[in-house]
Amino acid sequence: MKTLTRRGILTGAGGLGLMMMAGPLFGQHVYKEIHDLKPGEFTWHPERQPFGPVAVIVSLNEQRVHVYRNGVRIAVSTCSSGKPGHETPTGVFVVLQKDRDHRSSTYNNAPMPNTNRLTWDGIALHAGNLPGYPASHGCVRLPLKFSALLFEVTHLGTPVIIADEHHFPMDVAHPGLILSGYAENEFEDVLATLNPRKHPSDWEFGDEHPITSMIASSHDKKIALIENDREIAEGPLIWDGEPLGSHVYVLKGPHDGAKGMHWEALTYSGANAGTHDLRRVQTDEAFAETIKRYVHPGMIYVFTDLPLHPDSRSGRDFVIMS
């Protein structure tokens, strides 16, 4: 009997409908330079990095979706984002829900195959028509075949960066646990705490593990700790006083060499990128102890200079709207 994971939820009824989509809608795997891809074309090379956490970067200017696994780009696809008046929001998102056979509750029950939901008010990655320019009502449309492949490698909590520009991820290490330092001889204690906690991509269907995210806002001088889509704690932000920039850090796990944490760093909103240096940011001892109880591989840590305010977040969603 096959064990269901969260990636395999909701297969079945929509298969017949998917088979009816052909031609450019279906998509074509090609071997081309990224800038030469035609609407509906994509590249897919998971063998370049078979294991590790996935991150997705949507470049609105390029109308391209870049997929990274463990920091290595494994795929690029053409896409179609929101048309004028229905622009796709930019910022940091995570996959909140997955549904192979989703239908729109807003637009005449329209099919949205292989949906990776990013906001509860309707923004998602899903299969759809790709005319070669922004044409959706805000979602990011993908070739059907590519959307099915992407659906298999994403999981609840997968970070999705939607930005005007594409930035390559970088590896960074922090010589401590998140926002606090510790003596080198305490590293084994940190490992003992972290190791039992699975990455979301390893959860079995039915596992109940909340996804942890943190947002550090220089505007509010605060750090918010979020479980799934609910803020559970906040603490003071202590930093050098300079702009933090717009960065997303995904925790890969412990870094033996640095005796600390190993992160994948992604930049969004290139106009105010700043530099990748987690050591700039700290908090007080009490909040650092709170954070330790929620750390897990795959957790997301966001730097922003925007306020932690409803205008910069989408309802209950974990979104930093830039």
C-alpha atoms as a PDB file:
ATOM      1  CA  MET A   1       0.000   0.000   0.000  1.00  0.00           C
ATOM      2  CA  LYS A   2       1.452   3.336  -1.058  1.00  0.00           C
ATOM      3  CA  THR A   3       2.002   5.902   1.700  1.00  0.00           C
ATOM      4  CA  LEU A   4       0.440   9.234   0.886  1.00  0.00           C
ATOM      5  CA  THR A   5       2.486  12.361   1.511  1.00  0.00           C
ATOM      6  CA  ARG A   6       1.190  15.916   1.485  1.00  0.00           C
ATOM      7  CA  ARG A   7       2.469  16.245  -2.087  1.00  0.00           C
ATOM      8  CA  GLY A   8       0.166  13.504  -3.297  1.00  0.00           C
ATOM      9  CA  ILE A   9      -3.114  14.857  -1.969  1.00  0.00           C
ATOM     10  CA  LEU A  10      -6.175  15.038  -4.178  1.00  0.00           C
ATOM     11  CA  THR A  11      -5.300  13.041  -7.284  1.00  0.00           C
ATOM     12  CA  GLY A  12      -8.001  11.539  -9.464  1.00  0.00           C
ATOM     13  CA  ALA A  13     -11.103  13.262 -10.745  1.00  0.00           C
ATOM     14  CA  GLY A  14      -9.345  16.100 -12.540  1.00  0.00           C
ATOM     15  CA  GLY A  15      -7.175  13.774 -14.610  1.00  0.00           C
ATOM     16  CA  LEU A  16      -9.697  13.517 -17.442  1.00  0.00           C
ATOM     17  CA  GLY A  17     -10.003  17.287 -17.648  1.00  0.00           C
ATOM     18  CA  LEU A  18      -6.234  17.677 -17.754  1.00  0.00           C
ATOM     19  CA  MET A  19      -5.954  15.269 -20.675  1.00  0.00           C
ATOM     20  CA  MET A  20      -8.251  17.497 -22.719  1.00  0.00           C
ATOM     21  CA  MET A  21      -5.777  20.382 -22.542  1.00  0.00           C
ATOM     22  CA  ALA A  22      -3.376  20.077 -25.455  1.00  0.00           C
ATOM     23  CA  GLY A  23      -1.029  22.143 -27.592  1.00  0.00           C
ATOM     24  CA  PRO A  24       0.612  25.225 -26.045  1.00  0.00           C
ATOM     25  CA  LEU A  25      -1.523  24.868 -22.911  1.00  0.00           C
ATOM     26  CA  PHE A  26      -0.014  21.475 -22.171  1.00  0.00           C
ATOM     27  CA  GLY A  27       3.553  22.767 -22.369  1.00  0.00           C
ATOM     28  CA  GLN A  28       6.742  21.392 -23.847  1.00  0.00           C
ATOM     29  CA  HIS A  29      10.007  20.429 -22.181  1.00  0.00           C
ATOM     30  CA  VAL A  30      12.802  21.913 -24.311  1.00  0.00           C
ATOM     31  CA  TYR A  31      16.573  22.296 -24.226  1.00  0.00           C
ATOM     32  CA  LYS A  32      17.044  26.036 -24.746  1.00  0.00           C
ATOM     33  CA  GLU A  33      18.594  29.074 -23.178  1.00  0.00           C
ATOM     34  CA  ILE A  34      16.191  30.616 -20.686  1.00  0.00           C
ATOM     35  CA  HIS A  35      15.736  33.841 -22.654  1.00  0.00           C
ATOM     36  CA  ASP A  36      14.798  31.821 -25.785  1.00  0.00           C
ATOM     37  CA  LEU A  37      11.837  30.010 -24.218  1.00  0.00           C
ATOM     38  CA  LYS A  38       8.553  30.485 -26.087  1.00  0.00           C
ATOM     39  CA  PRO A  39       5.157  30.619 -24.312  1.00  0.00           C
ATOM     40  CA  GLY A  40       4.383  27.166 -22.937  1.00  0.00           C
ATOM     41  CA  GLU A  41       8.003  25.987 -23.006  1.00  0.00           C
ATOM     42  CA  PHE A  42      10.022  25.015 -19.944  1.00  0.00           C
ATOM     43  CA  THR A  43      13.173  23.239 -18.823  1.00  0.00           C
ATOM     44  CA  TRP A  44      13.140  20.531 -16.123  1.00  0.00           C
ATOM     45  CA  HIS A  45      16.324  18.940 -14.763  1.00  0.00           C
ATOM     46  CA  PRO A  46      15.725  17.553 -11.247  1.00  0.00           C
ATOM     47  CA  GLU A  47      18.800  15.369 -11.617  1.00  0.00           C
ATOM     48  CA  ARG A  48      20.949  18.463 -11.091  1.00  0.00           C
ATOM     49  CA  GLN A  49      19.975  18.365  -7.406  1.00  0.00           C
ATOM     50  CA  PRO A  50      17.850  15.326  -6.456  1.00  0.00           C
ATOM     51  CA  PHE A  51      17.425  16.220  -2.782  1.00  0.00           C
ATOM     52  CA  GLY A  52      16.816  19.200  -0.520  1.00  0.00           C
ATOM     53  CA  PRO A  53      14.276  21.977   0.084  1.00  0.00           C
ATOM     54  CA  VAL A  54      12.635  23.726  -2.859  1.00  0.00           C
ATOM     55  CA  ALA A  55      12.233  27.474  -3.379  1.00  0.00           C
ATOM     56  CA  VAL A  56      10.370  29.129  -6.261  1.00  0.00           C
ATOM     57  CA  ILE A  57      11.168  32.568  -7.689  1.00  0.00           C
ATOM     58  CA  VAL A  58       8.695  34.252 -10.054  1.00  0.00           C
ATOM     59  CA  SER A  59      10.238  37.020 -12.155  1.00  0.00           C
ATOM     60  CA  LEU A  60       7.484  39.303 -13.424  1.00  0.00           C
ATOM     61  CA  ASN A  61       9.705  41.273 -15.796  1.00  0.00           C
ATOM     62  CA  GLU A  62      10.937  38.064 -17.443  1.00  0.00           C
ATOM     63  CA  GLN A  63       7.591  36.213 -17.175  1.00  0.00           C
ATOM     64  CA  ARG A  64       9.603  33.255 -15.932  1.00  0.00           C
ATOM     65  CA  VAL A  65       9.364  30.897 -12.954  1.00  0.00           C
ATOM     66  CA  HIS A  66      12.684  29.629 -11.550  1.00  0.00           C
ATOM     67  CA  VAL A  67      12.750  26.527  -9.331  1.00  0.00           C
ATOM     68  CA  TYR A  68      15.662  25.873  -6.979  1.00  0.00           C
ATOM     69  CA  ARG A  69      16.347  22.774  -4.908  1.00  0.00           C
ATOM     70  CA  ASN A  70      18.959  23.028  -2.192  1.00  0.00           C
ATOM     71  CA  GLY A  71      20.255  26.191  -3.875  1.00  0.00           C
ATOM     72  CA  VAL A  72      20.622  24.637  -7.363  1.00  0.00           C
ATOM     73  CA  ARG A  73      18.316  25.722 -10.182  1.00  0.00           C
ATOM     74  CA  ILE A  74      16.537  22.638 -11.510  1.00  0.00           C
ATOM     75  CA  ALA A  75      13.849  24.202 -13.708  1.00  0.00           C
ATOM     76  CA  VAL A  76      12.671  27.342 -15.497  1.00  0.00           C
ATOM     77  CA  SER A  77       9.285  27.879 -17.122  1.00  0.00           C
ATOM     78  CA  THR A  78       7.431  30.556 -18.992  1.00  0.00           C
ATOM     79  CA  CYS A  79       4.412  31.938 -17.138  1.00  0.00           C
ATOM     80  CA  SER A  80       1.644  34.509 -17.363  1.00  0.00           C
ATOM     81  CA  SER A  81       1.046  36.803 -14.387  1.00  0.00           C
ATOM     82  CA  GLY A  82      -1.701  39.348 -13.651  1.00  0.00           C
ATOM     83  CA  LYS A  83      -2.884  41.725 -16.355  1.00  0.00           C
ATOM     84  CA  PRO A  84      -3.244  45.502 -15.823  1.00  0.00           C
ATOM     85  CA  GLY A  85      -5.830  46.105 -13.141  1.00  0.00           C
ATOM     86  CA  HIS A  86      -5.267  42.617 -11.717  1.00  0.00           C
ATOM     87  CA  GLU A  87      -1.507  42.733 -11.151  1.00  0.00           C
ATOM     88  CA  THR A  88       0.120  39.825  -9.345  1.00  0.00           C
ATOM     89  CA  PRO A  89       1.284  41.049  -5.922  1.00  0.00           C
ATOM     90  CA  THR A  90       5.008  40.991  -5.241  1.00  0.00           C
ATOM     91  CA  GLY A  91       6.593  39.814  -2.025  1.00  0.00           C
ATOM     92  CA  VAL A  92       7.255  36.690   0.020  1.00  0.00           C
ATOM     93  CA  PHE A  93       4.697  33.900   0.085  1.00  0.00           C
ATOM     94  CA  VAL A  94       4.540  30.289   1.221  1.00  0.00           C
ATOM     95  CA  VAL A  95       2.427  27.453  -0.150  1.00  0.00           C
ATOM     96  CA  LEU A  96      -0.641  27.396   2.104  1.00  0.00           C
ATOM     97  CA  GLN A  97      -2.626  24.662   0.362  1.00  0.00           C
ATOM     98  CA  LYS A  98      -2.228  22.178  -2.513  1.00  0.00           C
ATOM     99  CA  ASP A  99      -5.027  20.907  -4.754  1.00  0.00           C
ATOM    100  CA  ARG A 100      -4.558  19.044  -8.038  1.00  0.00           C
ATOM    101  CA  ASP A 101      -8.127  19.628  -9.177  1.00  0.00           C
ATOM    102  CA  HIS A 102      -8.973  23.085  -7.860  1.00  0.00           C
ATOM    103  CA  ARG A 103     -11.695  25.227  -9.424  1.00  0.00           C
ATOM    104  CA  SER A 104     -12.125  28.963  -9.023  1.00  0.00           C
ATOM    105  CA  SER A 105     -14.818  30.098  -6.604  1.00  0.00           C
ATOM    106  CA  THR A 106     -14.664  33.581  -8.167  1.00  0.00           C
ATOM    107  CA  TYR A 107     -14.415  33.072 -11.937  1.00  0.00           C
ATOM    108  CA  ASN A 108     -17.227  30.745 -13.109  1.00  0.00           C
ATOM    109  CA  ASN A 109     -15.832  27.564 -11.590  1.00  0.00           C
ATOM    110  CA  ALA A 110     -12.850  27.817 -13.961  1.00  0.00           C
ATOM    111  CA  PRO A 111     -10.391  24.894 -13.653  1.00  0.00           C
ATOM    112  CA  MET A 112      -7.078  25.669 -11.939  1.00  0.00           C
ATOM    113  CA  PRO A 113      -5.150  22.378 -12.207  1.00  0.00           C
ATOM    114  CA  ASN A 114      -2.189  21.691  -9.907  1.00  0.00           C
ATOM    115  CA  THR A 115      -2.859  24.640  -7.627  1.00  0.00           C
ATOM    116  CA  ASN A 116      -0.255  25.777  -5.115  1.00  0.00           C
ATOM    117  CA  ARG A 117      -2.239  28.347  -3.116  1.00  0.00           C
ATOM    118  CA  LEU A 118      -0.272  31.401  -1.954  1.00  0.00           C
ATOM    119  CA  THR A 119      -3.015  33.567  -0.404  1.00  0.00           C
ATOM    120  CA  TRP A 120      -6.468  32.780   0.931  1.00  0.00           C
ATOM    121  CA  ASP A 121      -7.972  35.503  -1.258  1.00  0.00           C
ATOM    122  CA  GLY A 122      -7.075  33.731  -4.479  1.00  0.00           C
ATOM    123  CA  ILE A 123      -3.448  34.138  -5.587  1.00  0.00           C
ATOM    124  CA  ALA A 124      -1.900  30.825  -6.658  1.00  0.00           C
ATOM    125  CA  LEU A 125       0.460  29.023  -9.007  1.00  0.00           C
ATOM    126  CA  HIS A 126      -1.591  26.815 -11.367  1.00  0.00           C
ATOM    127  CA  ALA A 127      -1.923  25.596 -14.963  1.00  0.00           C
ATOM    128  CA  GLY A 128      -3.517  27.931 -17.463  1.00  0.00           C
ATOM    129  CA  ASN A 129      -3.317  29.738 -20.791  1.00  0.00           C
ATOM    130  CA  LEU A 130       0.032  31.389 -21.633  1.00  0.00           C
ATOM    131  CA  PRO A 131      -0.396  33.995 -24.391  1.00  0.00           C
ATOM    132  CA  GLY A 132       3.124  35.392 -23.946  1.00  0.00           C
ATOM    133  CA  TYR A 133       2.230  38.375 -21.758  1.00  0.00           C
ATOM    134  CA  PRO A 134       0.522  39.069 -18.376  1.00  0.00           C
ATOM    135  CA  ALA A 135      -3.105  37.986 -18.799  1.00  0.00           C
ATOM    136  CA  SER A 136      -4.393  36.447 -15.551  1.00  0.00           C
ATOM    137  CA  HIS A 137      -6.585  37.851 -12.780  1.00  0.00           C
ATOM    138  CA  GLY A 138      -3.580  37.854 -10.441  1.00  0.00           C
ATOM    139  CA  CYS A 139      -2.483  34.222 -10.349  1.00  0.00           C
ATOM    140  CA  VAL A 140       0.689  32.936 -11.971  1.00  0.00           C
ATOM    141  CA  ARG A 141      -0.314  30.635 -14.824  1.00  0.00           C
ATOM    142  CA  LEU A 142       2.002  27.796 -15.831  1.00  0.00           C
ATOM    143  CA  PRO A 143       2.134  25.216 -18.646  1.00  0.00           C
ATOM    144  CA  LEU A 144       0.047  22.199 -17.592  1.00  0.00           C
ATOM    145  CA  LYS A 145       2.870  19.676 -17.801  1.00  0.00           C
ATOM    146  CA  PHE A 146       5.241  21.943 -15.851  1.00  0.00           C
ATOM    147  CA  SER A 147       2.590  22.678 -13.209  1.00  0.00           C
ATOM    148  CA  ALA A 148       2.184  18.929 -12.617  1.00  0.00           C
ATOM    149  CA  LEU A 149       5.944  18.471 -12.198  1.00  0.00           C
ATOM    150  CA  LEU A 150       6.157  21.470  -9.873  1.00  0.00           C
ATOM    151  CA  PHE A 151       3.222  20.154  -7.816  1.00  0.00           C
ATOM    152  CA  GLU A 152       5.234  17.004  -7.069  1.00  0.00           C
ATOM    153  CA  VAL A 153       8.234  18.837  -5.574  1.00  0.00           C
ATOM    154  CA  THR A 154       6.510  21.602  -3.570  1.00  0.00           C
ATOM    155  CA  HIS A 155       5.084  21.112  -0.097  1.00  0.00           C
ATOM    156  CA  LEU A 156       3.154  23.129   2.448  1.00  0.00           C
ATOM    157  CA  GLY A 157       5.501  25.914   3.492  1.00  0.00           C
ATOM    158  CA  THR A 158       7.540  26.035   0.275  1.00  0.00           C
ATOM    159  CA  PRO A 159       8.695  29.658  -0.108  1.00  0.00           C
ATOM    160  CA  VAL A 160       7.600  31.467  -3.272  1.00  0.00           C
ATOM    161  CA  ILE A 161       9.206  34.822  -4.026  1.00  0.00           C
ATOM    162  CA  ILE A 162       7.336  36.990  -6.527  1.00  0.00           C
ATOM    163  CA  ALA A 163       9.483  39.915  -7.623  1.00  0.00           C
ATOM    164  CA  ASP A 164      10.134  42.166 -10.582  1.00  0.00           C
ATOM    165  CA  GLU A 165      13.638  40.751 -10.937  1.00  0.00           C
ATOM    166  CA  HIS A 166      15.239  37.334 -10.580  1.00  0.00           C
ATOM    167  CA  HIS A 167      17.991  36.899  -7.987  1.00  0.00           C
ATOM    168  CA  PHE A 168      20.052  33.756  -7.482  1.00  0.00           C
ATOM    169  CA  PRO A 169      19.964  32.172  -3.999  1.00  0.00           C
ATOM    170  CA  MET A 170      23.101  32.077  -1.866  1.00  0.00           C
ATOM    171  CA  ASP A 171      24.333  29.853   0.949  1.00  0.00           C
ATOM    172  CA  VAL A 172      24.978  31.620   4.263  1.00  0.00           C
ATOM    173  CA  ALA A 173      25.871  30.409   7.742  1.00  0.00           C
ATOM    174  CA  HIS A 174      25.096  31.981  11.080  1.00  0.00           C
ATOM    175  CA  PRO A 175      27.479  31.100  13.930  1.00  0.00           C
ATOM    176  CA  GLY A 176      24.722  30.594  16.452  1.00  0.00           C
ATOM    177  CA  LEU A 177      21.101  29.577  16.768  1.00  0.00           C
ATOM    178  CA  ILE A 178      18.981  32.002  14.753  1.00  0.00           C
ATOM    179  CA  LEU A 179      19.267  35.248  16.707  1.00  0.00           C
ATOM    180  CA  SER A 180      21.572  34.344  19.543  1.00  0.00           C
ATOM    181  CA  GLY A 181      25.074  33.029  19.947  1.00  0.00           C
ATOM    182  CA  TYR A 182      26.231  30.111  22.053  1.00  0.00           C
ATOM    183  CA  ALA A 183      29.462  28.508  23.093  1.00  0.00           C
ATOM    184  CA  GLU A 184      30.935  25.964  20.689  1.00  0.00           C
ATOM    185  CA  ASN A 185      30.552  23.196  23.252  1.00  0.00           C
ATOM    186  CA  GLU A 186      26.778  23.819  23.249  1.00  0.00           C
ATOM    187  CA  PHE A 187      26.470  22.940  19.548  1.00  0.00           C
ATOM    188  CA  GLU A 188      25.689  19.270  20.276  1.00  0.00           C
ATOM    189  CA  ASP A 189      22.788  20.356  22.482  1.00  0.00           C
ATOM    190  CA  VAL A 190      21.441  22.437  19.600  1.00  0.00           C
ATOM    191  CA  LEU A 191      21.710  19.454  17.250  1.00  0.00           C
ATOM    192  CA  ALA A 192      19.845  17.270  19.725  1.00  0.00           C
ATOM    193  CA  THR A 193      17.010  19.799  19.726  1.00  0.00           C
ATOM    194  CA  LEU A 194      16.906  20.322  15.949  1.00  0.00           C
ATOM    195  CA  ASN A 195      17.419  16.805  14.565  1.00  0.00           C
ATOM    196  CA  PRO A 196      14.074  15.248  15.586  1.00  0.00           C
ATOM    197  CA  ARG A 197      12.171  18.007  13.784  1.00  0.00           C
ATOM    198  CA  LYS A 198      11.438  17.060  10.193  1.00  0.00           C
ATOM    199  CA  HIS A 199      11.560  19.319   7.159  1.00  0.00           C
ATOM    200  CA  PRO A 200       8.007  19.877   5.783  1.00  0.00           C
ATOM    201  CA  SER A 201       8.970  17.995   2.601  1.00  0.00           C
ATOM    202  CA  ASP A 202       9.391  14.836   4.723  1.00  0.00           C
ATOM    203  CA  TRP A 203       6.008  14.985   6.460  1.00  0.00           C
ATOM    204  CA  GLU A 204       3.629  12.112   5.855  1.00  0.00           C
ATOM    205  CA  PHE A 205      -0.020  12.728   5.046  1.00  0.00           C
ATOM    206  CA  GLY A 206      -1.814  13.396   8.320  1.00  0.00           C
ATOM    207  CA  ASP A 207       1.279  14.633  10.143  1.00  0.00           C
ATOM    208  CA  GLU A 208       0.481  17.678  12.233  1.00  0.00           C
ATOM    209  CA  HIS A 209       3.519  19.938  12.304  1.00  0.00           C
ATOM    210  CA  PRO A 210       3.002  23.711  12.189  1.00  0.00           C
ATOM    211  CA  ILE A 211       5.191  25.686   9.804  1.00  0.00           C
ATOM    212  CA  THR A 212       7.253  28.347  11.559  1.00  0.00           C
ATOM    213  CA  SER A 213       8.144  31.690  10.014  1.00  0.00           C
ATOM    214  CA  MET A 214       9.766  34.856  11.369  1.00  0.00           C
ATOM    215  CA  ILE A 215       9.591  38.417  10.082  1.00  0.00           C
ATOM    216  CA  ALA A 216      12.106  41.052  11.181  1.00  0.00           C
ATOM    217  CA  SER A 217      10.882  44.599  10.470  1.00  0.00           C
ATOM    218  CA  SER A 218      13.285  47.518  10.839  1.00  0.00           C
ATOM    219  CA  HIS A 219      10.326  49.909  10.592  1.00  0.00           C
ATOM    220  CA  ASP A 220       8.637  48.479  13.677  1.00  0.00           C
ATOM    221  CA  LYS A 221      11.868  47.386  15.405  1.00  0.00           C
ATOM    222  CA  LYS A 222      10.186  44.049  16.028  1.00  0.00           C
ATOM    223  CA  ILE A 223      10.415  40.398  15.103  1.00  0.00           C
ATOM    224  CA  ALA A 224       7.163  38.478  14.649  1.00  0.00           C
ATOM    225  CA  LEU A 225       7.039  34.705  15.147  1.00  0.00           C
ATOM    226  CA  ILE A 226       4.322  33.011  13.088  1.00  0.00           C
ATOM    227  CA  GLU A 227       2.935  29.465  13.154  1.00  0.00           C
ATOM    228  CA  ASN A 228       1.179  28.608   9.904  1.00  0.00           C
ATOM    229  CA  ASP A 229      -0.772  31.860   9.392  1.00  0.00           C
ATOM    230  CA  ARG A 230      -1.108  33.000  13.019  1.00  0.00           C
ATOM    231  CA  GLU A 231       1.242  35.306  14.909  1.00  0.00           C
ATOM    232  CA  ILE A 232       2.114  33.636  18.210  1.00  0.00           C
ATOM    233  CA  ALA A 233       4.808  35.910  19.662  1.00  0.00           C
ATOM    234  CA  GLU A 234       6.846  39.016  19.021  1.00  0.00           C
ATOM    235  CA  GLY A 235      10.099  40.345  20.393  1.00  0.00           C
ATOM    236  CA  PRO A 236      12.462  43.303  20.012  1.00  0.00           C
ATOM    237  CA  LEU A 237      14.680  43.678  16.959  1.00  0.00           C
ATOM    238  CA  ILE A 238      18.239  44.653  17.827  1.00  0.00           C
ATOM    239  CA  TRP A 239      20.343  45.574  14.782  1.00  0.00           C
ATOM    240  CA  ASP A 240      22.863  48.069  13.427  1.00  0.00           C
ATOM    241  CA  GLY A 241      20.238  50.681  12.494  1.00  0.00           C
ATOM    242  CA  GLU A 242      20.868  50.440   8.739  1.00  0.00           C
ATOM    243  CA  PRO A 243      18.155  49.225   6.297  1.00  0.00           C
ATOM    244  CA  LEU A 244      17.762  45.458   6.494  1.00  0.00           C
ATOM    245  CA  GLY A 245      16.987  45.093   2.798  1.00  0.00           C
ATOM    246  CA  SER A 246      14.560  42.552   1.388  1.00  0.00           C
ATOM    247  CA  HIS A 247      15.740  39.005   2.032  1.00  0.00           C
ATOM    248  CA  VAL A 248      14.293  35.569   2.681  1.00  0.00           C
ATOM    249  CA  TYR A 249      16.272  32.915   4.555  1.00  0.00           C
ATOM    250  CA  VAL A 250      15.251  29.235   4.483  1.00  0.00           C
ATOM    251  CA  LEU A 251      16.813  27.067   7.203  1.00  0.00           C
ATOM    252  CA  LYS A 252      18.547  24.063   5.662  1.00  0.00           C
ATOM    253  CA  GLY A 253      19.831  22.647   8.954  1.00  0.00           C
ATOM    254  CA  PRO A 254      22.933  22.702  11.138  1.00  0.00           C
ATOM    255  CA  HIS A 255      26.285  23.827   9.705  1.00  0.00           C
ATOM    256  CA  ASP A 256      29.100  21.836  11.302  1.00  0.00           C
ATOM    257  CA  GLY A 257      31.869  24.095  10.012  1.00  0.00           C
ATOM    258  CA  ALA A 258      30.323  27.260  11.427  1.00  0.00           C
ATOM    259  CA  LYS A 259      28.965  25.445  14.483  1.00  0.00           C
ATOM    260  CA  GLY A 260      25.713  27.185  13.693  1.00  0.00           C
ATOM    261  CA  MET A 261      22.806  27.224  11.252  1.00  0.00           C
ATOM    262  CA  HIS A 262      22.954  26.758   7.458  1.00  0.00           C
ATOM    263  CA  TRP A 263      20.566  28.943   5.447  1.00  0.00           C
ATOM    264  CA  GLU A 264      19.579  29.454   1.823  1.00  0.00           C
ATOM    265  CA  ALA A 265      19.300  33.209   1.215  1.00  0.00           C
ATOM    266  CA  LEU A 266      17.103  34.775  -1.465  1.00  0.00           C
ATOM    267  CA  THR A 267      16.761  38.476  -2.236  1.00  0.00           C
ATOM    268  CA  TYR A 268      13.579  40.128  -3.431  1.00  0.00           C
ATOM    269  CA  SER A 269      12.835  43.756  -4.337  1.00  0.00           C
ATOM    270  CA  GLY A 270      16.215  44.486  -5.935  1.00  0.00           C
ATOM    271  CA  ALA A 271      16.042  48.245  -5.431  1.00  0.00           C
ATOM    272  CA  ASN A 272      16.866  47.796  -1.774  1.00  0.00           C
ATOM    273  CA  ALA A 273      18.705  44.494  -1.615  1.00  0.00           C
ATOM    274  CA  GLY A 274      21.276  45.209   1.081  1.00  0.00           C
ATOM    275  CA  THR A 275      23.730  42.453   2.026  1.00  0.00           C
ATOM    276  CA  HIS A 276      23.281  38.927   3.362  1.00  0.00           C
ATOM    277  CA  ASP A 277      24.522  38.940   6.942  1.00  0.00           C
ATOM    278  CA  LEU A 278      22.383  37.322   9.606  1.00  0.00           C
ATOM    279  CA  ARG A 279      24.781  38.520  12.295  1.00  0.00           C
ATOM    280  CA  ARG A 280      23.370  42.043  11.908  1.00  0.00           C
ATOM    281  CA  VAL A 281      20.161  40.981  13.626  1.00  0.00           C
ATOM    282  CA  GLN A 282      19.672  39.897  17.230  1.00  0.00           C
ATOM    283  CA  THR A 283      16.978  39.963  19.886  1.00  0.00           C
ATOM    284  CA  ASP A 284      16.865  39.798  23.650  1.00  0.00           C
ATOM    285  CA  GLU A 285      17.553  36.611  25.583  1.00  0.00           C
ATOM    286  CA  ALA A 286      13.915  35.956  26.512  1.00  0.00           C
ATOM    287  CA  PHE A 287      12.656  36.057  22.909  1.00  0.00           C
ATOM    288  CA  ALA A 288      15.649  34.021  21.700  1.00  0.00           C
ATOM    289  CA  GLU A 289      14.589  31.284  24.122  1.00  0.00           C
ATOM    290  CA  THR A 290      11.048  31.442  22.738  1.00  0.00           C
ATOM    291  CA  ILE A 291      12.327  31.065  19.159  1.00  0.00           C
ATOM    292  CA  LYS A 292      14.363  27.968  20.066  1.00  0.00           C
ATOM    293  CA  ARG A 293      11.157  26.086  20.844  1.00  0.00           C
ATOM    294  CA  TYR A 294       9.873  26.550  17.293  1.00  0.00           C
ATOM    295  CA  VAL A 295      12.962  26.115  15.103  1.00  0.00           C
ATOM    296  CA  HIS A 296      12.740  23.415  12.419  1.00  0.00           C
ATOM    297  CA  PRO A 297      14.452  22.722   9.068  1.00  0.00           C
ATOM    298  CA  GLY A 298      12.512  24.532   6.363  1.00  0.00           C
ATOM    299  CA  MET A 299      11.472  27.436   8.576  1.00  0.00           C
ATOM    300  CA  ILE A 300      11.484  30.836   6.877  1.00  0.00           C
ATOM    301  CA  TYR A 301      13.024  34.058   8.148  1.00  0.00           C
ATOM    302  CA  VAL A 302      12.237  37.335   6.358  1.00  0.00           C
ATOM    303  CA  PHE A 303      14.026  40.680   6.525  1.00  0.00           C
ATOM    304  CA  THR A 304      11.960  43.716   5.559  1.00  0.00           C
ATOM    305  CA  ASP A 305      12.001  47.469   6.014  1.00  0.00           C
ATOM    306  CA  LEU A 306       8.205  47.554   5.718  1.00  0.00           C
ATOM    307  CA  PRO A 307       5.906  47.780   8.747  1.00  0.00           C
ATOM    308  CA  LEU A 308       4.282  44.656  10.197  1.00  0.00           C
ATOM    309  CA  HIS A 309       0.873  46.034   9.312  1.00  0.00           C
ATOM    310  CA  PRO A 310      -2.225  44.652   7.539  1.00  0.00           C
ATOM    311  CA  ASP A 311      -1.385  46.820   4.523  1.00  0.00           C
ATOM    312  CA  SER A 312       1.819  44.847   4.020  1.00  0.00           C
ATOM    313  CA  ARG A 313       0.316  41.459   4.840  1.00  0.00           C
ATOM    314  CA  SER A 314      -2.589  39.727   3.149  1.00  0.00           C
ATOM    315  CA  GLY A 315      -5.189  38.887   5.787  1.00  0.00           C
ATOM    316  CA  ARG A 316      -4.195  35.785   7.753  1.00  0.00           C
ATOM    317  CA  ASP A 317      -1.669  34.793   5.114  1.00  0.00           C
ATOM    318  CA  PHE A 318       2.043  34.823   5.738  1.00  0.00           C
ATOM    319  CA  VAL A 319       2.852  37.380   3.070  1.00  0.00           C
ATOM    320  CA  ILE A 320       5.110  40.390   2.964  1.00  0.00           C
ATOM    321  CA  MET A 321       3.653  42.551   0.228  1.00  0.00           C
ATOM    322  CA  SER A 322       6.242  44.809  -1.341  1.00  0.00           C
END
